[in-house]
C-alpha atoms as a PDB file:
ATOM      1  CA  MET A   1     -21.332  -2.739  -7.434  1.00  0.00           C
ATOM      2  CA  PRO A   2     -20.521  -0.041  -4.822  1.00  0.00           C
ATOM      3  CA  SER A   3     -18.402   2.924  -5.798  1.00  0.00           C
ATOM      4  CA  SER A   4     -15.475   4.200  -3.806  1.00  0.00           C
ATOM      5  CA  PRO A   5     -13.903   7.655  -3.581  1.00  0.00           C
ATOM      6  CA  GLU A   6     -10.530   6.000  -3.010  1.00  0.00           C
ATOM      7  CA  PRO A   7      -8.486   4.227  -5.705  1.00  0.00           C
ATOM      8  CA  PHE A   8      -8.025   0.450  -5.621  1.00  0.00           C
ATOM      9  CA  ARG A   9      -5.049  -0.796  -3.647  1.00  0.00           C
ATOM     10  CA  MET A  10      -4.048  -4.283  -2.519  1.00  0.00           C
ATOM     11  CA  LEU A  11      -0.903  -5.719  -1.020  1.00  0.00           C
ATOM     12  CA  ILE A  12      -0.062  -8.983  -2.751  1.00  0.00           C
ATOM     13  CA  GLN A  13       0.109 -11.748  -0.175  1.00  0.00           C
ATOM     14  CA  ASP A  14       0.265 -14.725  -2.513  1.00  0.00           C
ATOM     15  CA  VAL A  15       0.933 -15.465  -6.187  1.00  0.00           C
ATOM     16  CA  PHE A  16      -0.146 -18.753  -7.715  1.00  0.00           C
ATOM     17  CA  THR A  17      -1.052 -20.420 -11.049  1.00  0.00           C
ATOM     18  CA  VAL A  18      -4.334 -22.219 -11.728  1.00  0.00           C
ATOM     19  CA  ASP A  19      -5.179 -23.628 -15.127  1.00  0.00           C
ATOM     20  CA  ARG A  20      -2.306 -21.691 -16.663  1.00  0.00           C
ATOM     21  CA  SER A  21      -3.614 -18.367 -15.293  1.00  0.00           C
ATOM     22  CA  VAL A  22      -1.761 -16.292 -12.749  1.00  0.00           C
ATOM     23  CA  LEU A  23      -3.725 -15.193  -9.661  1.00  0.00           C
ATOM     24  CA  ILE A  24      -2.613 -12.662  -7.098  1.00  0.00           C
ATOM     25  CA  ALA A  25      -4.269 -12.748  -3.694  1.00  0.00           C
ATOM     26  CA  GLY A  26      -4.519 -10.371  -0.831  1.00  0.00           C
ATOM     27  CA  ARG A  27      -6.784  -8.091   1.216  1.00  0.00           C
ATOM     28  CA  VAL A  28      -8.164  -5.082  -0.606  1.00  0.00           C
ATOM     29  CA  GLU A  29      -7.038  -2.039   1.372  1.00  0.00           C
ATOM     30  CA  SER A  30      -9.104   0.561  -0.502  1.00  0.00           C
ATOM     31  CA  GLY A  31     -11.306   1.039  -3.535  1.00  0.00           C
ATOM     32  CA  VAL A  32     -13.235  -1.459  -5.711  1.00  0.00           C
ATOM     33  CA  ILE A  33     -11.993  -3.829  -8.386  1.00  0.00           C
ATOM     34  CA  CYS A  34     -13.879  -5.951 -10.932  1.00  0.00           C
ATOM     35  CA  GLY A  35     -13.192  -7.970 -14.041  1.00  0.00           C
ATOM     36  CA  GLY A  36     -11.965  -5.919 -17.006  1.00  0.00           C
ATOM     37  CA  ASP A  37     -10.248  -3.304 -14.852  1.00  0.00           C
ATOM     38  CA  VAL A  38      -6.660  -2.429 -15.674  1.00  0.00           C
ATOM     39  CA  ILE A  39      -4.278  -2.457 -12.743  1.00  0.00           C
ATOM     40  CA  GLU A  40      -0.607  -1.572 -12.156  1.00  0.00           C
ATOM     41  CA  ILE A  41       1.525  -3.957 -10.151  1.00  0.00           C
ATOM     42  CA  SER A  42       4.719  -2.496  -8.745  1.00  0.00           C
ATOM     43  CA  GLY A  43       7.582  -3.306  -6.395  1.00  0.00           C
ATOM     44  CA  ASP A  44      11.382  -3.559  -6.292  1.00  0.00           C
ATOM     45  CA  GLY A  45      11.620  -0.634  -8.724  1.00  0.00           C
ATOM     46  CA  GLN A  46       9.652  -2.544 -11.344  1.00  0.00           C
ATOM     47  CA  SER A  47       6.142  -2.110 -12.689  1.00  0.00           C
ATOM     48  CA  ILE A  48       3.816  -3.967 -14.978  1.00  0.00           C
ATOM     49  CA  THR A  49       0.288  -3.309 -16.258  1.00  0.00           C
ATOM     50  CA  ALA A  50      -2.293  -6.078 -16.242  1.00  0.00           C
ATOM     51  CA  THR A  51      -5.972  -6.642 -16.958  1.00  0.00           C
ATOM     52  CA  VAL A  52      -8.072  -8.357 -14.378  1.00  0.00           C
ATOM     53  CA  ALA A  53      -9.831 -11.272 -16.136  1.00  0.00           C
ATOM     54  CA  ARG A  54     -11.906 -12.161 -13.069  1.00  0.00           C
ATOM     55  CA  VAL A  55     -12.266 -11.468  -9.387  1.00  0.00           C
ATOM     56  CA  GLU A  56     -12.381 -14.664  -7.342  1.00  0.00           C
ATOM     57  CA  PHE A  57     -12.819 -15.158  -3.595  1.00  0.00           C
ATOM     58  CA  LEU A  58     -14.434 -17.528  -1.183  1.00  0.00           C
ATOM     59  CA  CYS A  59     -17.498 -15.423  -0.239  1.00  0.00           C
ATOM     60  CA  TRP A  60     -18.974 -14.452  -3.581  1.00  0.00           C
ATOM     61  CA  ARG A  61     -22.028 -12.272  -3.015  1.00  0.00           C
ATOM     62  CA  GLY A  62     -23.988 -14.335  -5.572  1.00  0.00           C
ATOM     63  CA  VAL A  63     -25.366 -11.320  -7.462  1.00  0.00           C
ATOM     64  CA  GLY A  64     -24.031  -9.961 -10.756  1.00  0.00           C
ATOM     65  CA  ASP A  65     -20.362 -10.018 -11.710  1.00  0.00           C
ATOM     66  CA  PRO A  66     -17.954 -10.659  -8.908  1.00  0.00           C
ATOM     67  CA  PHE A  67     -16.160  -7.646  -7.482  1.00  0.00           C
ATOM     68  CA  ALA A  68     -14.066  -6.942  -4.445  1.00  0.00           C
ATOM     69  CA  CYS A  69     -14.043  -3.863  -2.261  1.00  0.00           C
ATOM     70  CA  ALA A  70     -12.124  -2.598   0.763  1.00  0.00           C
ATOM     71  CA  GLY A  71     -11.847  -5.275   3.414  1.00  0.00           C
ATOM     72  CA  ASP A  72     -12.396  -8.252   1.150  1.00  0.00           C
ATOM     73  CA  ASN A  73      -9.857 -11.025   0.819  1.00  0.00           C
ATOM     74  CA  ALA A  74      -9.710 -11.672  -2.964  1.00  0.00           C
ATOM     75  CA  ALA A  75      -7.794 -13.255  -5.748  1.00  0.00           C
ATOM     76  CA  LEU A  76      -7.465 -11.502  -9.057  1.00  0.00           C
ATOM     77  CA  ARG A  77      -7.050 -13.654 -12.176  1.00  0.00           C
ATOM     78  CA  LEU A  78      -4.769 -11.738 -14.530  1.00  0.00           C
ATOM     79  CA  LYS A  79      -4.570 -11.813 -18.315  1.00  0.00           C
ATOM     80  CA  GLN A  80      -1.205 -12.268 -20.058  1.00  0.00           C
ATOM     81  CA  VAL A  81       0.912 -12.188 -16.918  1.00  0.00           C
ATOM     82  CA  ARG A  82       3.509 -14.867 -15.925  1.00  0.00           C
ATOM     83  CA  SER A  83       4.040 -15.802 -12.282  1.00  0.00           C
ATOM     84  CA  ASP A  84       7.691 -14.727 -12.446  1.00  0.00           C
ATOM     85  CA  GLN A  85       6.591 -11.145 -13.280  1.00  0.00           C
ATOM     86  CA  VAL A  86       4.987 -10.486  -9.835  1.00  0.00           C
ATOM     87  CA  ARG A  87       6.085 -11.066  -6.247  1.00  0.00           C
ATOM     88  CA  ILE A  88       4.641 -11.337  -2.773  1.00  0.00           C
ATOM     89  CA  GLY A  89       4.866  -7.930  -1.063  1.00  0.00           C
ATOM     90  CA  TRP A  90       4.305  -5.918  -4.229  1.00  0.00           C
ATOM     91  CA  ILE A  91       1.338  -3.516  -4.513  1.00  0.00           C
ATOM     92  CA  ALA A  92      -1.543  -3.722  -7.023  1.00  0.00           C
ATOM     93  CA  THR A  93      -3.227  -0.349  -7.731  1.00  0.00           C
ATOM     94  CA  ALA A  94      -5.759   1.048 -10.215  1.00  0.00           C
END
């Protein structure tokens, strides 16, 4: 997994539920994110903390645990988050 001097940041472009898990999707603007990382999701004066259960995206590199870095379009499967707690247009950071 590559390292990045910049912190993770992603604008949420979609929120959906698959198999009772909430996924947030968007393009990673900076940094690197992988499963197990704790992120903060904020917008509209609200903020929640979530743990990334898994990074999912169409072009998995096929080696090791999936991760996403700047420029990747990715979906983050979140632990213990409901779809009504996050919104399109909010920002995910680590």
